[in-house]
Amino acid sequence: MPTLKDWTLTDHWAGLRPKSPDGLPLLGPSAMQGVFVAGGQYRNGILFAPAIAQEMADIVLGKSAGVPDFDPRRFSGEV
């Protein structure tokens, strides 16, 4: 994107090693229709990336119901 050379950096942030409150990953649909979450793997995210990508693809395409213990909605009370 050549036009980026004219942009001014105003802020930056890095959310390194995000961890969910219960230590389990967040994989699956969120409480918002059409929004999916794949996060909270903490320091193991890079190691599990291929398996997470496959599972998330299956969830989005309706080929998997996901792992109930990893459902992101477990914190909102909506499952």
PDB file of N, CA and C in Angstrom:
ATOM      1  N   MET A   1       0.829  -1.167   0.000  1.00  0.00           N
ATOM      2  CA  MET A   1       0.000   0.000   0.000  1.00  0.00           C
ATOM      3  C   MET A   1       0.879   1.238   0.000  1.00  0.00           C
ATOM      4  N   PRO A   2       1.194   1.751  -1.139  1.00  0.00           N
ATOM      5  CA  PRO A   2       2.085   2.907  -1.238  1.00  0.00           C
ATOM      6  C   PRO A   2       1.611   4.136  -0.470  1.00  0.00           C
ATOM      7  N   THR A   3       0.304   4.317  -0.337  1.00  0.00           N
ATOM      8  CA  THR A   3      -0.194   5.515   0.358  1.00  0.00           C
ATOM      9  C   THR A   3       0.138   5.516   1.843  1.00  0.00           C
ATOM     10  N   LEU A   4       0.511   4.382   2.399  1.00  0.00           N
ATOM     11  CA  LEU A   4       0.862   4.343   3.812  1.00  0.00           C
ATOM     12  C   LEU A   4       2.074   5.209   4.134  1.00  0.00           C
ATOM     13  N   LYS A   5       2.912   5.466   3.151  1.00  0.00           N
ATOM     14  CA  LYS A   5       4.098   6.282   3.402  1.00  0.00           C
ATOM     15  C   LYS A   5       3.728   7.695   3.852  1.00  0.00           C
ATOM     16  N   ASP A   6       2.517   8.118   3.540  1.00  0.00           N
ATOM     17  CA  ASP A   6       2.072   9.465   3.914  1.00  0.00           C
ATOM     18  C   ASP A   6       1.317   9.492   5.245  1.00  0.00           C
ATOM     19  N   TRP A   7       1.064   8.357   5.815  1.00  0.00           N
ATOM     20  CA  TRP A   7       0.321   8.301   7.079  1.00  0.00           C
ATOM     21  C   TRP A   7       1.243   8.652   8.238  1.00  0.00           C
ATOM     22  N   THR A   8       0.651   9.139   9.311  1.00  0.00           N
ATOM     23  CA  THR A   8       1.383   9.447  10.532  1.00  0.00           C
ATOM     24  C   THR A   8       0.993   8.434  11.596  1.00  0.00           C
ATOM     25  N   LEU A   9       1.979   7.820  12.203  1.00  0.00           N
ATOM     26  CA  LEU A   9       1.726   6.882  13.285  1.00  0.00           C
ATOM     27  C   LEU A   9       1.304   7.669  14.520  1.00  0.00           C
ATOM     28  N   THR A  10       0.110   7.392  15.021  1.00  0.00           N
ATOM     29  CA  THR A  10      -0.386   8.111  16.192  1.00  0.00           C
ATOM     30  C   THR A  10      -0.402   7.243  17.446  1.00  0.00           C
ATOM     31  N   ASP A  11      -0.403   5.930  17.253  1.00  0.00           N
ATOM     32  CA  ASP A  11      -0.468   5.043  18.408  1.00  0.00           C
ATOM     33  C   ASP A  11      -0.105   3.634  17.952  1.00  0.00           C
ATOM     34  N   HIS A  12       0.316   2.811  18.876  1.00  0.00           N
ATOM     35  CA  HIS A  12       0.533   1.397  18.580  1.00  0.00           C
ATOM     36  C   HIS A  12       0.312   0.603  19.852  1.00  0.00           C
ATOM     37  N   TRP A  13       0.070  -0.679  19.668  1.00  0.00           N
ATOM     38  CA  TRP A  13      -0.254  -1.543  20.799  1.00  0.00           C
ATOM     39  C   TRP A  13       0.076  -2.972  20.423  1.00  0.00           C
ATOM     40  N   ALA A  14       0.495  -3.746  21.385  1.00  0.00           N
ATOM     41  CA  ALA A  14       0.736  -5.168  21.167  1.00  0.00           C
ATOM     42  C   ALA A  14       0.118  -5.934  22.334  1.00  0.00           C
ATOM     43  N   GLY A  15      -0.824  -6.786  22.027  1.00  0.00           N
ATOM     44  CA  GLY A  15      -1.457  -7.611  23.055  1.00  0.00           C
ATOM     45  C   GLY A  15      -0.781  -8.965  23.065  1.00  0.00           C
ATOM     46  N   LEU A  16       0.330  -9.044  23.708  1.00  0.00           N
ATOM     47  CA  LEU A  16       1.119 -10.258  23.682  1.00  0.00           C
ATOM     48  C   LEU A  16       0.600 -11.291  24.674  1.00  0.00           C
ATOM     49  N   ARG A  17       0.514 -12.510  24.219  1.00  0.00           N
ATOM     50  CA  ARG A  17       0.135 -13.643  25.049  1.00  0.00           C
ATOM     51  C   ARG A  17      -1.169 -13.440  25.806  1.00  0.00           C
ATOM     52  N   PRO A  18      -2.248 -13.124  25.105  1.00  0.00           N
ATOM     53  CA  PRO A  18      -3.524 -12.945  25.794  1.00  0.00           C
ATOM     54  C   PRO A  18      -3.993 -14.257  26.427  1.00  0.00           C
ATOM     55  N   LYS A  19      -4.522 -14.142  27.622  1.00  0.00           N
ATOM     56  CA  LYS A  19      -4.984 -15.314  28.362  1.00  0.00           C
ATOM     57  C   LYS A  19      -6.416 -15.060  28.835  1.00  0.00           C
ATOM     58  N   SER A  20      -7.262 -16.060  28.714  1.00  0.00           N
ATOM     59  CA  SER A  20      -8.635 -15.923  29.186  1.00  0.00           C
ATOM     60  C   SER A  20      -8.649 -16.015  30.715  1.00  0.00           C
ATOM     61  N   PRO A  21      -9.714 -15.538  31.359  1.00  0.00           N
ATOM     62  CA  PRO A  21      -9.780 -15.580  32.827  1.00  0.00           C
ATOM     63  C   PRO A  21      -9.650 -16.988  33.419  1.00  0.00           C
ATOM     64  N   ASP A  22     -10.158 -18.006  32.702  1.00  0.00           N
ATOM     65  CA  ASP A  22     -10.079 -19.367  33.240  1.00  0.00           C
ATOM     66  C   ASP A  22      -8.914 -20.170  32.663  1.00  0.00           C
ATOM     67  N   GLY A  23      -8.091 -19.530  31.822  1.00  0.00           N
ATOM     68  CA  GLY A  23      -6.917 -20.188  31.268  1.00  0.00           C
ATOM     69  C   GLY A  23      -7.179 -21.067  30.061  1.00  0.00           C
ATOM     70  N   LEU A  24      -8.448 -21.220  29.673  1.00  0.00           N
ATOM     71  CA  LEU A  24      -8.783 -22.029  28.493  1.00  0.00           C
ATOM     72  C   LEU A  24      -8.942 -21.115  27.286  1.00  0.00           C
ATOM     73  N   PRO A  25      -8.672 -21.636  26.090  1.00  0.00           N
ATOM     74  CA  PRO A  25      -8.813 -20.800  24.901  1.00  0.00           C
ATOM     75  C   PRO A  25     -10.259 -20.406  24.636  1.00  0.00           C
ATOM     76  N   LEU A  26     -10.421 -19.383  23.825  1.00  0.00           N
ATOM     77  CA  LEU A  26     -11.722 -18.924  23.366  1.00  0.00           C
ATOM     78  C   LEU A  26     -11.803 -19.273  21.885  1.00  0.00           C
ATOM     79  N   LEU A  27     -12.610 -20.258  21.541  1.00  0.00           N
ATOM     80  CA  LEU A  27     -12.710 -20.710  20.151  1.00  0.00           C
ATOM     81  C   LEU A  27     -14.174 -20.934  19.797  1.00  0.00           C
ATOM     82  N   GLY A  28     -14.672 -20.119  18.890  1.00  0.00           N
ATOM     83  CA  GLY A  28     -16.031 -20.331  18.430  1.00  0.00           C
ATOM     84  C   GLY A  28     -16.796 -19.044  18.251  1.00  0.00           C
ATOM     85  N   PRO A  29     -18.113 -19.161  18.106  1.00  0.00           N
ATOM     86  CA  PRO A  29     -18.942 -17.974  17.878  1.00  0.00           C
ATOM     87  C   PRO A  29     -19.033 -17.120  19.138  1.00  0.00           C
ATOM     88  N   SER A  30     -19.116 -15.822  18.932  1.00  0.00           N
ATOM     89  CA  SER A  30     -19.299 -14.905  20.055  1.00  0.00           C
ATOM     90  C   SER A  30     -20.792 -14.689  20.266  1.00  0.00           C
ATOM     91  N   ALA A  31     -21.144 -13.873  21.245  1.00  0.00           N
ATOM     92  CA  ALA A  31     -22.547 -13.549  21.496  1.00  0.00           C
ATOM     93  C   ALA A  31     -23.117 -12.679  20.371  1.00  0.00           C
ATOM     94  N   MET A  32     -22.251 -12.070  19.552  1.00  0.00           N
ATOM     95  CA  MET A  32     -22.696 -11.240  18.435  1.00  0.00           C
ATOM     96  C   MET A  32     -22.787 -12.095  17.172  1.00  0.00           C
ATOM     97  N   GLN A  33     -23.937 -12.104  16.538  1.00  0.00           N
ATOM     98  CA  GLN A  33     -24.181 -12.902  15.338  1.00  0.00           C
ATOM     99  C   GLN A  33     -23.129 -12.653  14.259  1.00  0.00           C
ATOM    100  N   GLY A  34     -22.520 -13.726  13.768  1.00  0.00           N
ATOM    101  CA  GLY A  34     -21.554 -13.630  12.675  1.00  0.00           C
ATOM    102  C   GLY A  34     -20.136 -13.283  13.084  1.00  0.00           C
ATOM    103  N   VAL A  35     -19.879 -13.134  14.380  1.00  0.00           N
ATOM    104  CA  VAL A  35     -18.536 -12.814  14.860  1.00  0.00           C
ATOM    105  C   VAL A  35     -17.975 -14.032  15.590  1.00  0.00           C
ATOM    106  N   PHE A  36     -16.793 -14.450  15.201  1.00  0.00           N
ATOM    107  CA  PHE A  36     -16.148 -15.617  15.784  1.00  0.00           C
ATOM    108  C   PHE A  36     -14.871 -15.193  16.504  1.00  0.00           C
ATOM    109  N   VAL A  37     -14.502 -15.955  17.519  1.00  0.00           N
ATOM    110  CA  VAL A  37     -13.331 -15.629  18.332  1.00  0.00           C
ATOM    111  C   VAL A  37     -12.353 -16.801  18.314  1.00  0.00           C
ATOM    112  N   ALA A  38     -11.090 -16.482  18.133  1.00  0.00           N
ATOM    113  CA  ALA A  38     -10.006 -17.457  18.287  1.00  0.00           C
ATOM    114  C   ALA A  38      -8.910 -16.729  19.054  1.00  0.00           C
ATOM    115  N   GLY A  39      -8.909 -16.881  20.363  1.00  0.00           N
ATOM    116  CA  GLY A  39      -7.939 -16.166  21.179  1.00  0.00           C
ATOM    117  C   GLY A  39      -7.795 -16.803  22.544  1.00  0.00           C
ATOM    118  N   GLY A  40      -7.007 -16.158  23.382  1.00  0.00           N
ATOM    119  CA  GLY A  40      -6.839 -16.597  24.751  1.00  0.00           C
ATOM    120  C   GLY A  40      -5.967 -17.826  24.931  1.00  0.00           C
ATOM    121  N   GLN A  41      -5.124 -18.133  23.963  1.00  0.00           N
ATOM    122  CA  GLN A  41      -4.282 -19.328  24.080  1.00  0.00           C
ATOM    123  C   GLN A  41      -3.024 -19.091  24.921  1.00  0.00           C
ATOM    124  N   TYR A  42      -2.833 -17.866  25.358  1.00  0.00           N
ATOM    125  CA  TYR A  42      -1.688 -17.480  26.174  1.00  0.00           C
ATOM    126  C   TYR A  42      -0.395 -17.828  25.442  1.00  0.00           C
ATOM    127  N   ARG A  43       0.553 -18.441  26.087  1.00  0.00           N
ATOM    128  CA  ARG A  43       1.861 -18.660  25.463  1.00  0.00           C
ATOM    129  C   ARG A  43       1.873 -19.807  24.459  1.00  0.00           C
ATOM    130  N   ASN A  44       0.781 -20.570  24.362  1.00  0.00           N
ATOM    131  CA  ASN A  44       0.761 -21.717  23.464  1.00  0.00           C
ATOM    132  C   ASN A  44       0.089 -21.430  22.120  1.00  0.00           C
ATOM    133  N   GLY A  45      -0.370 -20.231  21.906  1.00  0.00           N
ATOM    134  CA  GLY A  45      -1.087 -19.906  20.675  1.00  0.00           C
ATOM    135  C   GLY A  45      -0.313 -20.238  19.411  1.00  0.00           C
ATOM    136  N   ILE A  46       0.946 -19.884  19.382  1.00  0.00           N
ATOM    137  CA  ILE A  46       1.754 -20.140  18.196  1.00  0.00           C
ATOM    138  C   ILE A  46       1.935 -21.643  17.963  1.00  0.00           C
ATOM    139  N   LEU A  47       1.979 -22.405  19.037  1.00  0.00           N
ATOM    140  CA  LEU A  47       2.145 -23.850  18.904  1.00  0.00           C
ATOM    141  C   LEU A  47       0.882 -24.526  18.373  1.00  0.00           C
ATOM    142  N   PHE A  48      -0.261 -23.989  18.770  1.00  0.00           N
ATOM    143  CA  PHE A  48      -1.539 -24.590  18.391  1.00  0.00           C
ATOM    144  C   PHE A  48      -2.145 -23.968  17.131  1.00  0.00           C
ATOM    145  N   ALA A  49      -1.473 -23.024  16.517  1.00  0.00           N
ATOM    146  CA  ALA A  49      -2.039 -22.282  15.390  1.00  0.00           C
ATOM    147  C   ALA A  49      -2.621 -23.170  14.286  1.00  0.00           C
ATOM    148  N   PRO A  50      -1.933 -24.204  13.823  1.00  0.00           N
ATOM    149  CA  PRO A  50      -2.521 -25.032  12.758  1.00  0.00           C
ATOM    150  C   PRO A  50      -3.812 -25.729  13.192  1.00  0.00           C
ATOM    151  N   ALA A  51      -3.842 -26.259  14.398  1.00  0.00           N
ATOM    152  CA  ALA A  51      -5.050 -26.941  14.889  1.00  0.00           C
ATOM    153  C   ALA A  51      -6.181 -25.946  15.118  1.00  0.00           C
ATOM    154  N   ILE A  52      -5.850 -24.770  15.637  1.00  0.00           N
ATOM    155  CA  ILE A  52      -6.863 -23.744  15.866  1.00  0.00           C
ATOM    156  C   ILE A  52      -7.442 -23.268  14.545  1.00  0.00           C
ATOM    157  N   ALA A  53      -6.592 -23.070  13.560  1.00  0.00           N
ATOM    158  CA  ALA A  53      -7.067 -22.632  12.242  1.00  0.00           C
ATOM    159  C   ALA A  53      -8.026 -23.659  11.643  1.00  0.00           C
ATOM    160  N   GLN A  54      -7.696 -24.930  11.751  1.00  0.00           N
ATOM    161  CA  GLN A  54      -8.563 -25.977  11.207  1.00  0.00           C
ATOM    162  C   GLN A  54      -9.890 -26.024  11.966  1.00  0.00           C
ATOM    163  N   GLU A  55      -9.829 -25.964  13.283  1.00  0.00           N
ATOM    164  CA  GLU A  55     -11.055 -26.011  14.087  1.00  0.00           C
ATOM    165  C   GLU A  55     -11.941 -24.803  13.809  1.00  0.00           C
ATOM    166  N   MET A  56     -11.338 -23.621  13.719  1.00  0.00           N
ATOM    167  CA  MET A  56     -12.124 -22.420  13.445  1.00  0.00           C
ATOM    168  C   MET A  56     -12.743 -22.470  12.048  1.00  0.00           C
ATOM    169  N   ALA A  57     -12.006 -22.969  11.068  1.00  0.00           N
ATOM    170  CA  ALA A  57     -12.570 -23.114   9.725  1.00  0.00           C
ATOM    171  C   ALA A  57     -13.768 -24.050   9.765  1.00  0.00           C
ATOM    172  N   ASP A  58     -13.648 -25.145  10.494  1.00  0.00           N
ATOM    173  CA  ASP A  58     -14.750 -26.098  10.605  1.00  0.00           C
ATOM    174  C   ASP A  58     -15.949 -25.482  11.319  1.00  0.00           C
ATOM    175  N   ILE A  59     -15.699 -24.691  12.350  1.00  0.00           N
ATOM    176  CA  ILE A  59     -16.794 -24.035  13.077  1.00  0.00           C
ATOM    177  C   ILE A  59     -17.503 -23.040  12.168  1.00  0.00           C
ATOM    178  N   VAL A  60     -16.740 -22.193  11.494  1.00  0.00           N
ATOM    179  CA  VAL A  60     -17.327 -21.170  10.622  1.00  0.00           C
ATOM    180  C   VAL A  60     -18.122 -21.809   9.478  1.00  0.00           C
ATOM    181  N   LEU A  61     -17.619 -22.915   8.955  1.00  0.00           N
ATOM    182  CA  LEU A  61     -18.297 -23.589   7.843  1.00  0.00           C
ATOM    183  C   LEU A  61     -19.405 -24.536   8.296  1.00  0.00           C
ATOM    184  N   GLY A  62     -19.618 -24.640   9.603  1.00  0.00           N
ATOM    185  CA  GLY A  62     -20.676 -25.490  10.124  1.00  0.00           C
ATOM    186  C   GLY A  62     -20.344 -26.964  10.152  1.00  0.00           C
ATOM    187  N   LYS A  63     -19.071 -27.307  10.037  1.00  0.00           N
ATOM    188  CA  LYS A  63     -18.642 -28.708  10.058  1.00  0.00           C
ATOM    189  C   LYS A  63     -18.336 -29.193  11.472  1.00  0.00           C
ATOM    190  N   SER A  64     -18.284 -28.279  12.440  1.00  0.00           N
ATOM    191  CA  SER A  64     -17.988 -28.632  13.828  1.00  0.00           C
ATOM    192  C   SER A  64     -18.801 -27.727  14.743  1.00  0.00           C
ATOM    193  N   ALA A  65     -19.257 -28.288  15.842  1.00  0.00           N
ATOM    194  CA  ALA A  65     -19.967 -27.493  16.848  1.00  0.00           C
ATOM    195  C   ALA A  65     -18.975 -26.851  17.815  1.00  0.00           C
ATOM    196  N   GLY A  66     -17.705 -27.218  17.697  1.00  0.00           N
ATOM    197  CA  GLY A  66     -16.691 -26.678  18.585  1.00  0.00           C
ATOM    198  C   GLY A  66     -16.606 -27.456  19.881  1.00  0.00           C
ATOM    199  N   VAL A  67     -15.683 -27.049  20.727  1.00  0.00           N
ATOM    200  CA  VAL A  67     -15.473 -27.680  22.031  1.00  0.00           C
ATOM    201  C   VAL A  67     -16.216 -26.834  23.064  1.00  0.00           C
ATOM    202  N   PRO A  68     -17.213 -27.397  23.743  1.00  0.00           N
ATOM    203  CA  PRO A  68     -18.001 -26.596  24.694  1.00  0.00           C
ATOM    204  C   PRO A  68     -17.163 -25.859  25.742  1.00  0.00           C
ATOM    205  N   ASP A  69     -16.099 -26.473  26.230  1.00  0.00           N
ATOM    206  CA  ASP A  69     -15.267 -25.820  27.246  1.00  0.00           C
ATOM    207  C   ASP A  69     -14.535 -24.591  26.709  1.00  0.00           C
ATOM    208  N   PHE A  70     -14.419 -24.475  25.381  1.00  0.00           N
ATOM    209  CA  PHE A  70     -13.704 -23.345  24.776  1.00  0.00           C
ATOM    210  C   PHE A  70     -14.647 -22.272  24.236  1.00  0.00           C
ATOM    211  N   ASP A  71     -15.943 -22.447  24.398  1.00  0.00           N
ATOM    212  CA  ASP A  71     -16.934 -21.508  23.850  1.00  0.00           C
ATOM    213  C   ASP A  71     -16.753 -20.120  24.467  1.00  0.00           C
ATOM    214  N   PRO A  72     -16.515 -19.093  23.643  1.00  0.00           N
ATOM    215  CA  PRO A  72     -16.302 -17.742  24.168  1.00  0.00           C
ATOM    216  C   PRO A  72     -17.502 -17.194  24.938  1.00  0.00           C
ATOM    217  N   ARG A  73     -18.681 -17.716  24.659  1.00  0.00           N
ATOM    218  CA  ARG A  73     -19.879 -17.215  25.321  1.00  0.00           C
ATOM    219  C   ARG A  73     -20.005 -17.694  26.762  1.00  0.00           C
ATOM    220  N   ARG A  74     -19.085 -18.539  27.215  1.00  0.00           N
ATOM    221  CA  ARG A  74     -19.177 -19.065  28.577  1.00  0.00           C
ATOM    222  C   ARG A  74     -19.063 -17.962  29.624  1.00  0.00           C
ATOM    223  N   PHE A  75     -18.471 -16.839  29.274  1.00  0.00           N
ATOM    224  CA  PHE A  75     -18.335 -15.738  30.230  1.00  0.00           C
ATOM    225  C   PHE A  75     -19.542 -14.811  30.240  1.00  0.00           C
ATOM    226  N   SER A  76     -20.312 -14.831  29.165  1.00  0.00           N
ATOM    227  CA  SER A  76     -21.471 -13.939  29.085  1.00  0.00           C
ATOM    228  C   SER A  76     -22.755 -14.627  29.559  1.00  0.00           C
ATOM    229  N   GLY A  77     -22.683 -15.934  29.795  1.00  0.00           N
ATOM    230  CA  GLY A  77     -23.871 -16.671  30.193  1.00  0.00           C
ATOM    231  C   GLY A  77     -24.722 -17.116  29.015  1.00  0.00           C
ATOM    232  N   GLU A  78     -24.287 -16.786  27.779  1.00  0.00           N
ATOM    233  CA  GLU A  78     -25.012 -17.175  26.578  1.00  0.00           C
ATOM    234  C   GLU A  78     -24.308 -18.349  25.914  1.00  0.00           C
ATOM    235  N   VAL A  79     -24.910 -19.514  25.949  1.00  0.00           N
ATOM    236  CA  VAL A  79     -24.326 -20.672  25.274  1.00  0.00           C
ATOM    237  C   VAL A  79     -25.371 -21.348  24.444  1.00  0.00           C
TER     238      VAL A  79
END
